[in-house]
Amino acid sequence: MHVKITMKNPDCVFEAISRAAVDSVSDAYGLNEEEIQELIKSRQKEIEEQVSKWVKYGEYITIEIDTVRETARVIPAI
């Protein structure tokens, strides 16, 4: 049996993307605070584009669980 669960949580998606962007520049040396903030913004946009395949309207994520195979997958956003 397949069970589809759609979750809506814009804060969760935004916060995860923001954390990933900050983490990705944590080892950037020699940049001032303004340059770091610009790099973080740029990374956020890049990550948003990359995850948009699975996140609809920036907040909806659908997971399909196969109870027979005991697997789960994220359904691409349409």
N, C-alpha and C. Protein backbone atom coordinates (compact mmCIF):
# COMPACT_ATOMS: atom_id res chain seq x y z
N MET A 1 0.84 -1.17 0.00
CA MET A 1 0.00 0.00 0.00
C MET A 1 0.89 1.25 0.00
N HIS A 2 0.44 2.27 -0.70
CA HIS A 2 1.16 3.54 -0.76
C HIS A 2 0.36 4.61 -0.01
N VAL A 3 1.05 5.35 0.82
CA VAL A 3 0.42 6.44 1.57
C VAL A 3 1.16 7.72 1.19
N LYS A 4 0.39 8.73 0.74
CA LYS A 4 1.00 10.02 0.41
C LYS A 4 0.66 11.02 1.50
N ILE A 5 1.69 11.71 1.96
CA ILE A 5 1.52 12.73 3.00
C ILE A 5 2.05 14.04 2.44
N THR A 6 1.20 15.07 2.44
CA THR A 6 1.62 16.40 2.01
C THR A 6 1.75 17.27 3.25
N MET A 7 2.91 17.88 3.39
CA MET A 7 3.18 18.74 4.53
C MET A 7 3.33 20.17 4.04
N LYS A 8 2.81 21.10 4.82
CA LYS A 8 2.92 22.52 4.50
C LYS A 8 3.57 23.22 5.69
N ASN A 9 4.75 23.73 5.45
CA ASN A 9 5.44 24.44 6.52
C ASN A 9 6.49 25.36 5.91
N PRO A 10 6.09 26.57 5.54
CA PRO A 10 7.04 27.48 4.89
C PRO A 10 8.23 27.85 5.78
N ASP A 11 8.00 27.95 7.09
CA ASP A 11 9.10 28.30 7.98
C ASP A 11 10.17 27.22 7.99
N CYS A 12 9.74 25.98 8.00
CA CYS A 12 10.68 24.86 8.03
C CYS A 12 11.56 24.85 6.78
N VAL A 13 10.96 25.03 5.63
CA VAL A 13 11.72 25.04 4.37
C VAL A 13 12.68 26.22 4.35
N PHE A 14 12.18 27.41 4.69
CA PHE A 14 13.02 28.61 4.69
C PHE A 14 14.19 28.46 5.66
N GLU A 15 13.92 27.98 6.87
CA GLU A 15 14.97 27.84 7.87
C GLU A 15 16.02 26.80 7.45
N ALA A 16 15.57 25.71 6.86
CA ALA A 16 16.52 24.68 6.40
C ALA A 16 17.42 25.23 5.30
N ILE A 17 16.84 25.97 4.37
CA ILE A 17 17.62 26.57 3.29
C ILE A 17 18.59 27.60 3.85
N SER A 18 18.11 28.41 4.79
CA SER A 18 18.98 29.42 5.40
C SER A 18 20.15 28.78 6.14
N ARG A 19 19.87 27.72 6.90
CA ARG A 19 20.95 27.02 7.62
C ARG A 19 21.97 26.44 6.66
N ALA A 20 21.48 25.84 5.58
CA ALA A 20 22.38 25.26 4.59
C ALA A 20 23.26 26.33 3.95
N ALA A 21 22.68 27.50 3.67
CA ALA A 21 23.44 28.59 3.06
C ALA A 21 24.51 29.10 4.02
N VAL A 22 24.14 29.28 5.27
CA VAL A 22 25.11 29.75 6.27
C VAL A 22 26.22 28.72 6.45
N ASP A 23 25.85 27.46 6.56
CA ASP A 23 26.85 26.40 6.72
C ASP A 23 27.81 26.34 5.53
N SER A 24 27.30 26.63 4.34
CA SER A 24 28.13 26.53 3.15
C SER A 24 29.20 27.61 3.08
N VAL A 25 29.02 28.70 3.81
CA VAL A 25 30.03 29.77 3.80
C VAL A 25 30.79 29.87 5.12
N SER A 26 30.58 28.91 5.99
CA SER A 26 31.20 28.97 7.32
C SER A 26 32.73 28.93 7.26
N ASP A 27 33.27 28.40 6.18
CA ASP A 27 34.73 28.33 6.07
C ASP A 27 35.29 29.39 5.11
N ALA A 28 34.51 30.41 4.80
CA ALA A 28 34.96 31.48 3.92
C ALA A 28 35.81 32.47 4.73
N TYR A 29 37.10 32.50 4.44
CA TYR A 29 38.01 33.39 5.15
C TYR A 29 38.37 34.58 4.27
N GLY A 30 38.67 35.68 4.92
CA GLY A 30 39.13 36.86 4.20
C GLY A 30 38.01 37.74 3.68
N LEU A 31 36.75 37.42 4.04
CA LEU A 31 35.63 38.25 3.59
C LEU A 31 35.12 39.08 4.75
N ASN A 32 34.69 40.31 4.44
CA ASN A 32 34.09 41.11 5.50
C ASN A 32 32.62 40.69 5.68
N GLU A 33 31.97 41.23 6.69
CA GLU A 33 30.60 40.82 7.03
C GLU A 33 29.62 41.07 5.88
N GLU A 34 29.78 42.19 5.19
CA GLU A 34 28.89 42.50 4.07
C GLU A 34 29.05 41.47 2.94
N GLU A 35 30.28 41.10 2.65
CA GLU A 35 30.54 40.10 1.60
C GLU A 35 29.98 38.74 2.00
N ILE A 36 30.10 38.40 3.27
CA ILE A 36 29.56 37.12 3.75
C ILE A 36 28.04 37.11 3.60
N GLN A 37 27.38 38.20 3.97
CA GLN A 37 25.92 38.27 3.86
C GLN A 37 25.47 38.17 2.40
N GLU A 38 26.18 38.80 1.49
CA GLU A 38 25.85 38.71 0.07
C GLU A 38 26.05 37.28 -0.44
N LEU A 39 27.11 36.63 0.02
CA LEU A 39 27.36 35.25 -0.38
C LEU A 39 26.26 34.33 0.16
N ILE A 40 25.81 34.57 1.38
CA ILE A 40 24.72 33.78 1.97
C ILE A 40 23.45 33.96 1.15
N LYS A 41 23.11 35.19 0.80
CA LYS A 41 21.91 35.44 -0.02
C LYS A 41 22.00 34.72 -1.36
N SER A 42 23.18 34.78 -1.97
CA SER A 42 23.38 34.11 -3.25
C SER A 42 23.21 32.60 -3.11
N ARG A 43 23.77 32.03 -2.06
CA ARG A 43 23.64 30.59 -1.82
C ARG A 43 22.19 30.21 -1.54
N GLN A 44 21.46 31.06 -0.81
CA GLN A 44 20.04 30.78 -0.54
C GLN A 44 19.26 30.66 -1.84
N LYS A 45 19.47 31.59 -2.75
CA LYS A 45 18.78 31.54 -4.04
C LYS A 45 19.14 30.27 -4.81
N GLU A 46 20.41 29.93 -4.79
CA GLU A 46 20.89 28.73 -5.48
C GLU A 46 20.24 27.47 -4.90
N ILE A 47 20.21 27.39 -3.58
CA ILE A 47 19.62 26.22 -2.92
C ILE A 47 18.11 26.17 -3.16
N GLU A 48 17.44 27.32 -3.11
CA GLU A 48 15.99 27.36 -3.40
C GLU A 48 15.70 26.80 -4.78
N GLU A 49 16.51 27.17 -5.76
CA GLU A 49 16.33 26.66 -7.12
C GLU A 49 16.55 25.15 -7.17
N GLN A 50 17.55 24.68 -6.45
CA GLN A 50 17.85 23.25 -6.45
C GLN A 50 16.75 22.43 -5.80
N VAL A 51 16.17 22.91 -4.71
CA VAL A 51 15.14 22.13 -4.01
C VAL A 51 13.74 22.35 -4.57
N SER A 52 13.60 23.31 -5.47
CA SER A 52 12.27 23.60 -6.01
C SER A 52 11.66 22.41 -6.75
N LYS A 53 12.48 21.47 -7.16
CA LYS A 53 11.97 20.25 -7.80
C LYS A 53 11.04 19.48 -6.85
N TRP A 54 11.29 19.59 -5.56
CA TRP A 54 10.53 18.83 -4.57
C TRP A 54 9.64 19.69 -3.68
N VAL A 55 9.80 21.01 -3.72
CA VAL A 55 9.05 21.90 -2.84
C VAL A 55 8.15 22.79 -3.69
N LYS A 56 6.84 22.67 -3.48
CA LYS A 56 5.88 23.44 -4.27
C LYS A 56 5.52 24.72 -3.53
N TYR A 57 5.54 25.83 -4.24
CA TYR A 57 5.22 27.15 -3.69
C TYR A 57 6.09 27.52 -2.49
N GLY A 58 7.25 26.91 -2.39
CA GLY A 58 8.15 27.21 -1.29
C GLY A 58 7.72 26.67 0.05
N GLU A 59 6.68 25.82 0.08
CA GLU A 59 6.21 25.35 1.38
C GLU A 59 5.59 23.95 1.40
N TYR A 60 5.22 23.38 0.27
CA TYR A 60 4.56 22.07 0.26
C TYR A 60 5.56 20.98 -0.15
N ILE A 61 5.60 19.92 0.66
CA ILE A 61 6.44 18.76 0.36
C ILE A 61 5.56 17.52 0.50
N THR A 62 5.60 16.64 -0.51
CA THR A 62 4.81 15.41 -0.46
C THR A 62 5.75 14.21 -0.38
N ILE A 63 5.46 13.36 0.59
CA ILE A 63 6.22 12.13 0.79
C ILE A 63 5.29 10.96 0.51
N GLU A 64 5.79 9.98 -0.21
CA GLU A 64 5.03 8.75 -0.46
C GLU A 64 5.72 7.61 0.28
N ILE A 65 4.95 6.93 1.11
CA ILE A 65 5.47 5.80 1.88
C ILE A 65 4.89 4.51 1.32
N ASP A 66 5.77 3.58 1.01
CA ASP A 66 5.36 2.25 0.55
C ASP A 66 5.44 1.34 1.77
N THR A 67 4.27 0.94 2.28
CA THR A 67 4.23 0.15 3.50
C THR A 67 4.66 -1.30 3.27
N VAL A 68 4.60 -1.77 2.04
CA VAL A 68 5.01 -3.14 1.74
C VAL A 68 6.54 -3.22 1.67
N ARG A 69 7.13 -2.31 0.94
CA ARG A 69 8.60 -2.31 0.79
C ARG A 69 9.31 -1.59 1.94
N GLU A 70 8.52 -0.89 2.75
CA GLU A 70 9.06 -0.10 3.87
C GLU A 70 10.07 0.93 3.38
N THR A 71 9.64 1.70 2.36
CA THR A 71 10.46 2.77 1.81
C THR A 71 9.66 4.06 1.80
N ALA A 72 10.36 5.14 1.63
CA ALA A 72 9.73 6.45 1.51
C ALA A 72 10.49 7.25 0.48
N ARG A 73 9.76 8.12 -0.24
CA ARG A 73 10.41 9.00 -1.21
C ARG A 73 9.68 10.32 -1.27
N VAL A 74 10.41 11.36 -1.62
CA VAL A 74 9.81 12.67 -1.80
C VAL A 74 9.32 12.74 -3.24
N ILE A 75 8.06 13.13 -3.41
CA ILE A 75 7.45 13.23 -4.72
C ILE A 75 7.83 14.59 -5.34
N PRO A 76 8.32 14.60 -6.59
CA PRO A 76 8.62 15.89 -7.23
C PRO A 76 7.38 16.79 -7.29
N ALA A 77 7.59 18.07 -7.07
CA ALA A 77 6.49 19.05 -7.13
C ALA A 77 6.05 19.20 -8.58
N ILE A 78 4.78 19.35 -8.77
CA ILE A 78 4.23 19.50 -10.12
C ILE A 78 3.83 20.93 -10.35
